[in-house]
N, C-alpha and C. Protein backbone atom coordinates (compact mmCIF):
# COMPACT_ATOMS: atom_id res chain seq x y z
N MET A 1 52.06 123.62 85.61
CA MET A 1 52.88 123.21 86.79
C MET A 1 53.49 122.07 86.55
N LEU A 2 52.37 120.91 86.04
CA LEU A 2 53.05 120.33 85.79
C LEU A 2 53.91 119.37 85.20
N ARG A 3 54.21 120.45 83.81
CA ARG A 3 54.99 120.22 82.76
C ARG A 3 56.28 121.49 83.85
N LEU A 4 56.08 121.64 83.95
CA LEU A 4 56.79 121.99 84.90
C LEU A 4 58.20 121.02 85.94
N LEU A 5 57.57 120.78 87.34
CA LEU A 5 57.81 119.16 87.26
C LEU A 5 58.49 117.68 86.27
N ILE A 6 58.13 117.71 85.59
CA ILE A 6 58.40 116.55 85.00
C ILE A 6 59.53 117.45 84.18
N VAL A 7 59.47 118.22 84.03
CA VAL A 7 60.99 118.85 83.05
C VAL A 7 61.82 119.06 84.26
N LEU A 8 61.60 119.39 85.71
CA LEU A 8 62.65 119.55 86.34
C LEU A 8 63.30 117.75 87.04
N PHE A 9 61.93 116.68 87.09
CA PHE A 9 62.57 115.88 87.30
C PHE A 9 63.56 115.50 86.32
N ALA A 10 63.07 115.40 84.70
CA ALA A 10 63.88 114.49 83.32
C ALA A 10 65.51 115.80 83.79
N ALA A 11 65.67 116.78 84.11
CA ALA A 11 66.94 117.57 84.47
C ALA A 11 67.64 116.29 85.55
N ALA A 12 66.89 117.18 86.73
CA ALA A 12 67.86 116.25 87.72
C ALA A 12 68.32 114.42 87.22
N ALA A 13 67.54 114.14 86.68
CA ALA A 13 68.14 112.42 86.46
C ALA A 13 68.66 112.75 85.63
N LEU A 14 69.41 113.37 84.33
CA LEU A 14 70.94 114.14 83.70
C LEU A 14 72.46 113.78 85.07
N LEU A 15 71.77 114.93 86.31
CA LEU A 15 72.43 114.25 87.00
C LEU A 15 73.10 113.46 87.51
N VAL A 16 72.80 112.61 88.23
CA VAL A 16 72.27 111.52 88.62
C VAL A 16 73.72 110.18 88.40
N PRO A 17 74.42 110.79 89.19
CA PRO A 17 75.21 109.09 87.77
C PRO A 17 75.03 108.05 87.59
N GLY A 18 75.27 107.86 86.94
CA GLY A 18 74.62 106.06 86.25
C GLY A 18 73.17 106.38 85.12
N ALA A 19 73.04 107.23 85.58
CA ALA A 19 71.40 107.16 85.00
C ALA A 19 71.29 108.00 83.26
N SER A 20 72.42 108.03 82.97
CA SER A 20 72.62 108.13 81.57
C SER A 20 73.44 107.60 80.83
N GLY A 21 73.48 106.61 79.72
CA GLY A 21 74.15 106.07 78.98
C GLY A 21 75.62 106.93 78.41
N SER A 22 75.99 107.84 78.96
CA SER A 22 77.57 108.21 78.67
C SER A 22 78.76 107.82 79.53
N ALA A 23 79.65 107.79 78.69
CA ALA A 23 80.84 106.73 79.45
C ALA A 23 81.51 107.33 80.21
N PHE A 24 80.49 108.56 80.85
CA PHE A 24 81.20 109.60 82.00
C PHE A 24 80.50 108.76 82.30
N ALA A 25 79.72 109.48 82.97
CA ALA A 25 77.91 108.51 84.22
C ALA A 25 79.15 106.53 84.32
N GLN A 26 79.77 105.89 83.45
CA GLN A 26 79.79 104.77 83.21
C GLN A 26 80.95 105.08 83.82
N GLU A 27 82.20 105.69 84.38
CA GLU A 27 83.67 105.83 84.88
C GLU A 27 84.07 105.08 86.37
N ILE A 28 84.64 104.69 87.02
CA ILE A 28 85.11 104.08 88.22
C ILE A 28 86.08 104.70 88.41
N SER A 29 85.90 105.52 89.46
CA SER A 29 87.33 105.98 90.24
C SER A 29 87.84 104.27 90.97
N LEU A 30 89.48 104.53 90.73
CA LEU A 30 90.38 104.11 91.41
C LEU A 30 90.64 103.69 93.02
N GLY A 31 90.30 105.27 92.89
CA GLY A 31 90.14 104.71 94.44
C GLY A 31 90.97 106.39 94.83
N PRO A 32 91.50 106.84 96.01
CA PRO A 32 90.99 108.48 96.33
C PRO A 32 92.75 108.91 95.24
N ALA A 33 92.03 110.37 94.94
CA ALA A 33 93.59 111.16 94.75
C ALA A 33 94.59 110.54 94.96
N VAL A 34 95.84 110.45 94.36
CA VAL A 34 97.81 110.10 94.97
C VAL A 34 98.00 111.53 94.17
N THR A 35 98.26 112.20 95.94
CA THR A 35 99.10 113.53 95.63
C THR A 35 100.47 113.35 96.11
N ARG A 36 101.28 113.63 94.88
CA ARG A 36 102.69 113.20 95.58
C ARG A 36 103.16 114.67 95.86
N PRO A 37 103.83 115.26 96.96
CA PRO A 37 104.27 116.06 97.64
C PRO A 37 106.02 116.29 96.10
N ASP A 38 106.46 114.93 96.38
CA ASP A 38 107.84 115.92 95.96
C ASP A 38 107.94 116.59 93.96
N THR A 39 106.69 116.35 93.78
CA THR A 39 105.95 116.48 92.15
C THR A 39 105.06 118.31 92.39
N ALA A 40 104.64 118.15 93.40
CA ALA A 40 103.00 119.15 93.85
C ALA A 40 102.84 118.83 91.73
N LEU A 41 102.47 117.42 92.10
CA LEU A 41 100.98 116.63 91.66
C LEU A 41 100.20 115.96 91.00
N THR A 42 99.01 116.03 91.58
CA THR A 42 97.28 115.46 92.38
C THR A 42 96.82 114.82 90.91
N LEU A 43 96.82 113.23 91.05
CA LEU A 43 96.81 111.82 89.82
C LEU A 43 95.72 111.67 89.98
N ARG A 44 94.91 111.29 89.38
CA ARG A 44 93.15 110.61 89.40
C ARG A 44 93.53 109.56 87.73
N GLY A 45 93.25 108.64 88.81
CA GLY A 45 92.53 107.28 87.95
C GLY A 45 91.65 106.90 87.63
N GLU A 46 90.72 106.84 86.60
CA GLU A 46 89.23 106.34 86.17
C GLU A 46 89.38 104.68 84.52
N ILE A 47 88.30 103.96 85.34
CA ILE A 47 88.66 102.93 84.76
C ILE A 47 86.79 102.96 84.04
N GLY A 48 86.65 102.36 82.32
CA GLY A 48 85.11 102.52 82.05
C GLY A 48 85.46 101.59 80.87
N PRO A 49 84.27 101.40 80.33
CA PRO A 49 84.37 101.08 78.59
C PRO A 49 85.21 100.98 77.85
N ALA A 50 85.77 100.06 77.37
CA ALA A 50 86.78 100.77 75.98
C ALA A 50 85.88 101.32 75.52
N GLN A 51 86.09 103.09 74.16
CA GLN A 51 85.85 103.87 73.90
C GLN A 51 86.56 104.41 72.04
N ALA A 52 85.09 104.78 71.68
CA ALA A 52 86.42 105.53 70.42
C ALA A 52 87.31 106.65 69.77
N MET A 53 88.09 106.57 70.42
CA MET A 53 89.38 107.47 70.17
C MET A 53 89.71 107.58 68.92
N GLU A 54 90.39 109.81 68.95
CA GLU A 54 90.47 109.29 67.80
C GLU A 54 91.67 110.77 68.25
N GLY A 55 93.10 110.22 67.11
CA GLY A 55 94.36 110.71 67.53
C GLY A 55 95.36 110.00 66.67
N ALA A 56 96.48 110.60 66.31
CA ALA A 56 97.26 110.30 64.61
C ALA A 56 98.96 110.82 65.62
N ASP A 57 99.54 110.22 65.55
CA ASP A 57 100.56 110.78 65.17
C ASP A 57 101.29 110.53 64.31
N VAL A 58 103.10 111.38 64.12
CA VAL A 58 102.98 112.66 63.51
C VAL A 58 103.17 112.12 62.29
N ALA A 59 103.45 110.80 62.09
CA ALA A 59 103.37 110.16 60.33
C ALA A 59 102.28 109.95 60.03
N GLY A 60 100.96 109.99 61.19
CA GLY A 60 99.61 109.01 60.95
C GLY A 60 99.32 108.38 61.17
N GLY A 61 99.32 107.93 61.78
CA GLY A 61 99.46 106.28 62.72
C GLY A 61 98.86 106.43 64.04
N PRO A 62 97.89 105.27 64.59
CA PRO A 62 96.38 105.98 65.19
C PRO A 62 97.62 105.98 66.46
N VAL A 63 97.02 106.43 67.68
CA VAL A 63 97.83 106.39 69.33
C VAL A 63 96.90 105.85 69.94
N PHE A 64 95.58 105.21 69.73
CA PHE A 64 95.05 104.63 70.53
C PHE A 64 94.46 103.18 70.48
N VAL A 65 94.72 103.22 71.49
CA VAL A 65 94.55 101.25 71.04
C VAL A 65 92.57 101.19 70.77
N PRO A 66 91.99 99.90 69.70
CA PRO A 66 90.66 100.24 69.08
C PRO A 66 89.89 99.66 70.15
N ALA A 67 88.67 100.68 70.14
CA ALA A 67 87.76 99.68 71.49
C ALA A 67 88.08 98.55 71.06
N GLU A 68 87.13 98.07 70.02
CA GLU A 68 86.93 96.99 69.46
C GLU A 68 87.79 95.64 69.87
N ARG A 69 89.23 96.24 70.67
CA ARG A 69 90.42 94.79 70.92
C ARG A 69 90.93 95.09 72.21
N ALA A 70 89.67 96.03 73.29
CA ALA A 70 90.35 96.56 74.35
C ALA A 70 89.21 95.91 76.11
N ALA A 71 90.16 95.52 77.24
CA ALA A 71 89.11 95.64 78.06
C ALA A 71 88.39 96.14 78.48
N PHE A 72 89.44 97.76 78.94
CA PHE A 72 88.46 98.72 79.61
C PHE A 72 89.55 99.94 78.98
N PHE A 73 88.62 101.38 79.59
CA PHE A 73 89.86 102.07 78.63
C PHE A 73 90.59 103.49 80.01
N LEU A 74 91.41 103.48 80.51
CA LEU A 74 92.64 103.81 81.68
C LEU A 74 92.06 105.12 81.45
N ALA A 75 91.61 106.16 82.57
CA ALA A 75 91.96 107.72 82.47
C ALA A 75 93.01 108.28 83.41
N VAL A 76 93.80 109.31 83.24
CA VAL A 76 94.95 109.55 84.59
C VAL A 76 94.62 111.37 84.27
N ASP A 77 93.67 111.83 85.28
CA ASP A 77 94.05 113.68 85.28
C ASP A 77 95.02 113.48 86.28
N VAL A 78 95.94 114.42 85.97
CA VAL A 78 96.95 114.95 86.08
C VAL A 78 96.97 116.89 86.45
N ARG A 79 96.60 117.01 88.23
CA ARG A 79 96.79 118.32 87.83
C ARG A 79 97.32 118.82 89.18
N ALA A 80 98.02 120.19 89.00
CA ALA A 80 98.85 120.94 90.08
C ALA A 80 98.11 120.46 91.15
N ALA A 81 99.43 120.48 92.38
CA ALA A 81 98.56 120.51 93.18
C ALA A 81 99.68 121.67 94.51
N ARG A 82 99.03 122.31 95.52
CA ARG A 82 98.95 123.38 96.58
C ARG A 82 100.56 123.27 96.47
N GLY A 83 101.46 124.02 96.88
CA GLY A 83 103.28 124.31 96.05
C GLY A 83 103.27 123.68 95.22
N ASN A 84 103.06 123.95 93.52
CA ASN A 84 104.05 123.59 92.66
C ASN A 84 104.20 124.82 92.24
N LYS A 85 105.72 123.89 91.60
CA LYS A 85 107.25 125.90 92.04
C LYS A 85 107.29 125.08 90.44
N ASN A 86 106.72 124.44 89.83
CA ASN A 86 106.72 124.35 88.16
C ASN A 86 106.14 125.12 87.16
N GLY A 87 104.99 126.74 88.40
CA GLY A 87 105.04 127.30 87.22
C GLY A 87 103.62 127.07 87.08
N PHE A 88 103.18 125.98 87.64
CA PHE A 88 101.61 125.18 87.60
C PHE A 88 100.47 126.01 88.30
N GLY A 89 99.49 125.89 88.02
CA GLY A 89 98.34 126.94 88.78
C GLY A 89 97.53 125.66 89.43
N LEU A 90 96.94 125.42 91.19
CA LEU A 90 96.69 125.03 92.23
C LEU A 90 95.53 124.61 90.73
N ASN A 91 95.43 122.87 91.13
CA ASN A 91 94.61 121.48 90.19
C ASN A 91 94.41 121.94 88.37
N GLU A 92 95.87 123.05 88.03
CA GLU A 92 95.97 123.17 86.51
C GLU A 92 95.83 122.01 86.16
N PHE A 93 95.71 121.30 85.62
CA PHE A 93 96.13 120.46 83.71
C PHE A 93 97.40 120.35 83.22
N VAL A 94 98.23 119.49 83.74
CA VAL A 94 99.58 119.27 83.09
C VAL A 94 99.36 119.06 82.69
N PRO A 95 100.69 120.11 81.47
CA PRO A 95 100.44 119.35 79.67
C PRO A 95 101.46 118.50 79.66
N TYR A 96 101.71 117.82 78.61
CA TYR A 96 103.29 117.65 77.84
C TYR A 96 104.12 116.41 79.23
N LEU A 97 103.33 116.57 79.20
CA LEU A 97 103.36 114.67 80.21
C LEU A 97 104.08 113.92 79.87
N THR A 98 105.02 112.61 79.73
CA THR A 98 104.42 111.57 79.34
C THR A 98 103.86 110.40 79.93
N ALA A 99 102.50 109.90 79.25
CA ALA A 99 102.67 108.45 80.56
C ALA A 99 101.95 107.57 79.93
N THR A 100 103.12 106.57 80.70
CA THR A 100 102.42 104.94 80.32
C THR A 100 101.97 104.48 82.13
N TYR A 101 101.32 103.03 81.12
CA TYR A 101 101.42 101.32 82.52
C TYR A 101 101.71 100.86 81.47
N THR A 102 101.62 99.57 83.00
CA THR A 102 101.83 98.13 82.71
C THR A 102 101.06 98.06 84.07
N LEU A 103 100.12 96.51 82.98
CA LEU A 103 99.23 95.54 83.57
C LEU A 103 99.39 94.77 84.53
N THR A 104 100.18 94.51 85.68
CA THR A 104 100.58 93.18 86.21
C THR A 104 99.76 93.09 86.52
N PRO A 105 99.59 91.15 87.03
CA PRO A 105 98.71 90.04 87.78
C PRO A 105 98.44 90.92 88.93
N LYS A 106 97.81 91.01 89.85
CA LYS A 106 96.84 91.45 91.08
C LYS A 106 98.27 90.40 91.81
N ALA A 107 98.08 88.59 91.70
CA ALA A 107 98.89 88.33 92.13
C ALA A 107 100.40 87.70 92.21
N GLY A 108 100.94 88.76 91.36
CA GLY A 108 102.23 88.52 91.37
C GLY A 108 102.80 88.20 90.02
N GLY A 109 104.08 88.59 89.23
CA GLY A 109 104.49 87.65 87.67
C GLY A 109 105.26 89.44 87.53
N ALA A 110 105.12 88.22 86.08
CA ALA A 110 105.47 89.62 84.81
C ALA A 110 104.30 90.69 84.64
N PRO A 111 104.73 92.13 83.68
CA PRO A 111 103.51 92.42 83.88
C PRO A 111 102.92 92.26 82.07
N LEU A 112 101.81 91.75 82.02
CA LEU A 112 101.14 91.13 81.49
C LEU A 112 101.05 92.47 79.57
N VAL A 113 100.73 93.90 79.72
CA VAL A 113 100.53 94.07 78.99
C VAL A 113 100.78 95.69 79.34
N HIS A 114 101.36 96.57 78.81
CA HIS A 114 102.27 97.33 78.73
C HIS A 114 101.89 99.08 77.44
N GLY A 115 102.00 99.54 78.06
CA GLY A 115 101.28 100.55 76.94
C GLY A 115 101.88 102.73 77.12
N GLN A 116 101.18 103.34 76.40
CA GLN A 116 101.30 104.78 75.98
C GLN A 116 100.02 105.85 76.01
N LEU A 117 99.85 106.76 78.05
CA LEU A 117 98.69 107.31 78.10
C LEU A 117 98.88 108.35 77.34
N HIS A 118 98.10 108.80 76.10
CA HIS A 118 97.62 110.00 74.90
C HIS A 118 96.89 111.12 75.93
N PRO A 119 97.40 112.06 75.36
CA PRO A 119 96.45 113.47 75.99
C PRO A 119 95.36 113.53 75.06
N PHE A 120 94.07 113.42 75.88
CA PHE A 120 93.02 113.28 75.33
C PHE A 120 92.52 114.46 76.25
N VAL A 121 90.94 115.16 75.10
CA VAL A 121 89.80 116.56 76.01
C VAL A 121 88.52 114.95 75.94
N GLY A 122 88.14 115.47 76.45
CA GLY A 122 86.56 114.47 76.92
C GLY A 122 85.47 116.40 77.63
N ARG A 123 84.60 116.17 77.80
CA ARG A 123 83.25 116.62 79.16
C ARG A 123 84.36 116.62 79.89
N GLN A 124 84.49 116.37 80.52
CA GLN A 124 85.74 115.65 81.83
C GLN A 124 86.35 116.95 81.45
N GLY A 125 87.34 118.24 80.25
CA GLY A 125 88.18 118.48 80.39
C GLY A 125 89.63 117.63 79.79
N LEU A 126 91.00 117.63 79.36
CA LEU A 126 91.83 117.33 79.35
C LEU A 126 92.21 116.15 80.70
N ARG A 127 93.03 114.63 80.18
CA ARG A 127 93.08 114.33 80.92
C ARG A 127 93.87 113.35 79.57
N TYR A 128 94.67 112.43 80.31
CA TYR A 128 95.40 110.59 79.19
C TYR A 128 94.84 110.43 79.12
N GLY A 129 95.03 109.09 78.77
CA GLY A 129 94.03 107.72 78.53
C GLY A 129 94.84 107.19 77.80
N ASN A 130 94.35 106.05 77.41
CA ASN A 130 93.99 104.99 76.24
C ASN A 130 93.26 103.58 76.78
N ASN A 131 92.85 102.60 76.00
CA ASN A 131 92.01 101.72 75.57
C ASN A 131 93.12 100.31 76.68
N VAL A 132 92.62 99.79 77.22
CA VAL A 132 93.78 98.98 77.25
C VAL A 132 93.32 97.53 77.21
N ALA A 133 94.29 97.01 76.61
CA ALA A 133 93.85 95.35 76.12
C ALA A 133 94.17 94.50 76.94
N ALA A 134 93.62 93.85 77.89
CA ALA A 134 93.78 93.50 79.16
C ALA A 134 94.07 91.73 79.04
N PRO A 135 94.20 90.29 78.93
CA PRO A 135 94.14 89.21 78.51
C PRO A 135 93.17 89.02 79.44
N GLY A 136 92.25 89.37 80.21
CA GLY A 136 90.93 88.65 81.47
C GLY A 136 90.98 89.04 82.25
N PRO A 137 89.19 89.45 82.80
CA PRO A 137 88.60 90.52 83.84
C PRO A 137 90.11 91.16 84.94
N GLY A 138 90.86 89.89 85.19
CA GLY A 138 91.95 89.78 86.76
C GLY A 138 91.58 89.97 87.46
N PRO A 139 92.28 90.10 89.09
CA PRO A 139 91.92 91.43 88.87
C PRO A 139 94.12 91.74 88.61
N TYR A 140 94.51 93.37 89.00
CA TYR A 140 95.13 93.50 87.80
C TYR A 140 95.73 94.74 89.02
N THR A 141 97.13 94.93 88.84
CA THR A 141 98.02 96.00 89.45
C THR A 141 98.34 96.66 88.30
N VAL A 142 97.73 98.22 87.75
CA VAL A 142 98.04 99.23 87.16
C VAL A 142 99.16 99.79 87.70
N THR A 143 100.16 100.19 87.20
CA THR A 143 101.60 100.85 87.63
C THR A 143 101.60 102.23 86.45
N VAL A 144 101.20 103.49 87.07
CA VAL A 144 100.70 104.30 86.05
C VAL A 144 102.75 105.29 85.86
N THR A 145 103.55 105.51 84.99
CA THR A 145 104.34 106.00 85.21
C THR A 145 104.22 106.91 84.80
N ILE A 146 104.55 108.85 84.64
CA ILE A 146 104.72 110.21 84.87
C ILE A 146 106.00 110.86 84.86
N GLU A 147 106.04 111.30 83.56
CA GLU A 147 107.70 112.20 82.80
C GLU A 147 107.52 113.24 82.56
N PRO A 148 108.09 113.96 83.22
CA PRO A 148 108.17 115.72 83.13
C PRO A 148 107.79 116.25 82.00
N PRO A 149 107.56 117.16 81.69
CA PRO A 149 107.29 118.10 80.50
C PRO A 149 109.05 117.44 79.58
N ILE A 150 109.78 117.72 80.26
CA ILE A 150 110.61 118.46 79.93
C ILE A 150 111.28 116.43 78.32
N LYS A 151 110.69 115.56 78.68
CA LYS A 151 110.92 114.85 77.78
C LYS A 151 110.35 114.82 76.61
N THR A 152 108.95 115.77 76.21
CA THR A 152 108.56 115.88 74.90
C THR A 152 109.69 117.21 75.01
N GLY A 153 110.49 117.85 75.34
CA GLY A 153 110.69 119.34 75.07
C GLY A 153 110.49 120.67 75.39
N PHE A 154 109.19 119.86 76.60
CA PHE A 154 108.40 121.96 76.48
C PHE A 154 109.42 122.51 77.56
N GLY A 155 110.39 122.93 77.42
CA GLY A 155 111.32 124.38 78.18
C GLY A 155 110.84 124.49 79.60
N ARG A 156 111.48 125.43 80.29
CA ARG A 156 110.97 126.89 81.20
C ARG A 156 112.38 127.46 81.18
N HIS A 157 111.79 128.45 81.47
CA HIS A 157 112.64 129.56 82.72
C HIS A 157 113.12 129.09 83.66
N THR A 158 115.22 129.61 83.73
CA THR A 158 115.57 128.89 84.48
C THR A 158 116.47 130.19 85.46
N ASP A 159 116.18 130.75 84.80
CA ASP A 159 117.09 133.13 85.00
C ASP A 159 115.90 132.65 86.81
N MET A 160 116.68 133.87 87.67
CA MET A 160 116.40 133.68 88.92
C MET A 160 114.90 134.83 89.24
N GLU A 161 114.59 135.47 87.79
CA GLU A 161 114.27 136.64 88.09
C GLU A 161 112.43 136.17 86.88
N THR A 162 112.99 135.00 86.77
CA THR A 162 111.26 134.44 85.98
C THR A 162 111.56 133.21 86.02
N GLY A 163 112.59 132.24 86.66
CA GLY A 163 112.49 131.10 86.12
C GLY A 163 111.54 130.02 87.61
N VAL A 164 111.23 128.65 87.04
CA VAL A 164 110.59 127.78 87.76
C VAL A 164 112.12 127.03 88.64
N ALA A 165 111.17 126.29 89.50
CA ALA A 165 112.18 124.85 89.89
C ALA A 165 113.15 123.82 88.41
N ARG A 166 113.26 122.98 89.05
CA ARG A 166 113.73 121.95 88.06
C ARG A 166 113.12 120.81 87.70
N TRP A 167 112.41 119.99 86.60
CA TRP A 167 111.54 118.91 86.18
C TRP A 167 111.87 118.43 87.93
N TRP A 168 111.21 116.79 88.42
CA TRP A 168 110.47 116.75 89.09
C TRP A 168 112.11 115.22 88.29
N PRO A 169 111.92 114.15 88.88
CA PRO A 169 112.05 113.14 88.10
C PRO A 169 111.04 111.90 88.18
N PRO A 170 110.99 111.17 87.13
CA PRO A 170 109.78 109.88 86.97
C PRO A 170 109.02 109.87 88.26
N VAL A 171 108.15 109.69 87.59
CA VAL A 171 107.51 109.63 89.29
C VAL A 171 105.85 107.78 88.79
N GLN A 172 106.30 107.08 90.15
CA GLN A 172 104.99 106.86 89.62
C GLN A 172 103.39 105.91 90.78
N VAL A 173 102.49 105.28 90.49
CA VAL A 173 101.31 105.59 91.01
C VAL A 173 100.95 104.05 90.94
N GLU A 174 100.01 103.22 92.25
CA GLU A 174 100.00 102.29 91.65
C GLU A 174 98.25 102.03 91.91
N TRP A 175 97.38 101.41 91.84
CA TRP A 175 95.95 100.86 91.55
C TRP A 175 95.66 99.86 91.27
N SER A 176 94.98 99.50 91.93
CA SER A 176 94.36 97.97 92.23
C SER A 176 92.33 97.89 90.87
N VAL A 177 92.76 97.12 89.36
CA VAL A 177 92.30 97.39 88.89
C VAL A 177 91.26 96.01 88.20
N ASP A 178 90.16 95.87 88.28
CA ASP A 178 89.13 94.99 88.15
C ASP A 178 88.57 95.15 87.01
N ALA A 179 89.24 94.39 85.82
CA ALA A 179 88.76 94.85 84.08
C ALA A 179 86.73 94.26 84.14
N SER A 180 86.77 92.96 84.84
CA SER A 180 85.25 92.78 84.75
C SER A 180 84.08 93.69 85.07
N ARG A 181 84.83 94.89 85.65
CA ARG A 181 83.63 95.62 86.57
C ARG A 181 83.60 96.70 85.45
N ALA A 182 84.01 97.24 84.41
CA ALA A 182 84.35 98.39 84.06
C ALA A 182 83.34 98.55 82.92
N ALA A 183 83.52 97.09 82.02
CA ALA A 183 83.06 95.82 80.98
C ALA A 183 81.68 95.50 80.96
N GLN A 184 81.30 95.00 82.64
CA GLN A 184 79.78 95.25 83.33
C GLN A 184 79.15 96.97 83.18
N ARG A 185 79.71 97.81 82.88
CA ARG A 185 79.10 99.23 83.19
C ARG A 185 78.30 100.07 81.21
């Protein structure tokens, strides 16, 4: 009986956020999910410690900023919302998007850093993300721009019987970021 209790307590500790040393437990939400009715997309942003990532462009060059040059990792989950007319089911990951970010001082001024968020897979499933080389702890405003799949050549049926709605125009979402919070985790 004592062994069973020990095993149960150990298993429960793994389920408590922040109880393990994994990056999954260390991510910080950037706020509530943002649902854009004009696109029927829901976006969730998170930051965490810079991560070792693997990925290459068509020429074989790395696409992710090296973790040792970054202040934090930015991840954005893009899912279809209720009423999506582009053929994606509710809460389904939306692939083939072009996702970019800019980092601007919270006090205002010109953007300091900009870059691409690349599709990747981890234990939380498919998302877009990259390590971000912020010049200091912040605070910052991160602006994420999502462009529709047509930019990458992803097609859609247009006929009356099997067609889906036109792609949406590019959309932007902003969140506040304090890079020092991610680095302390």
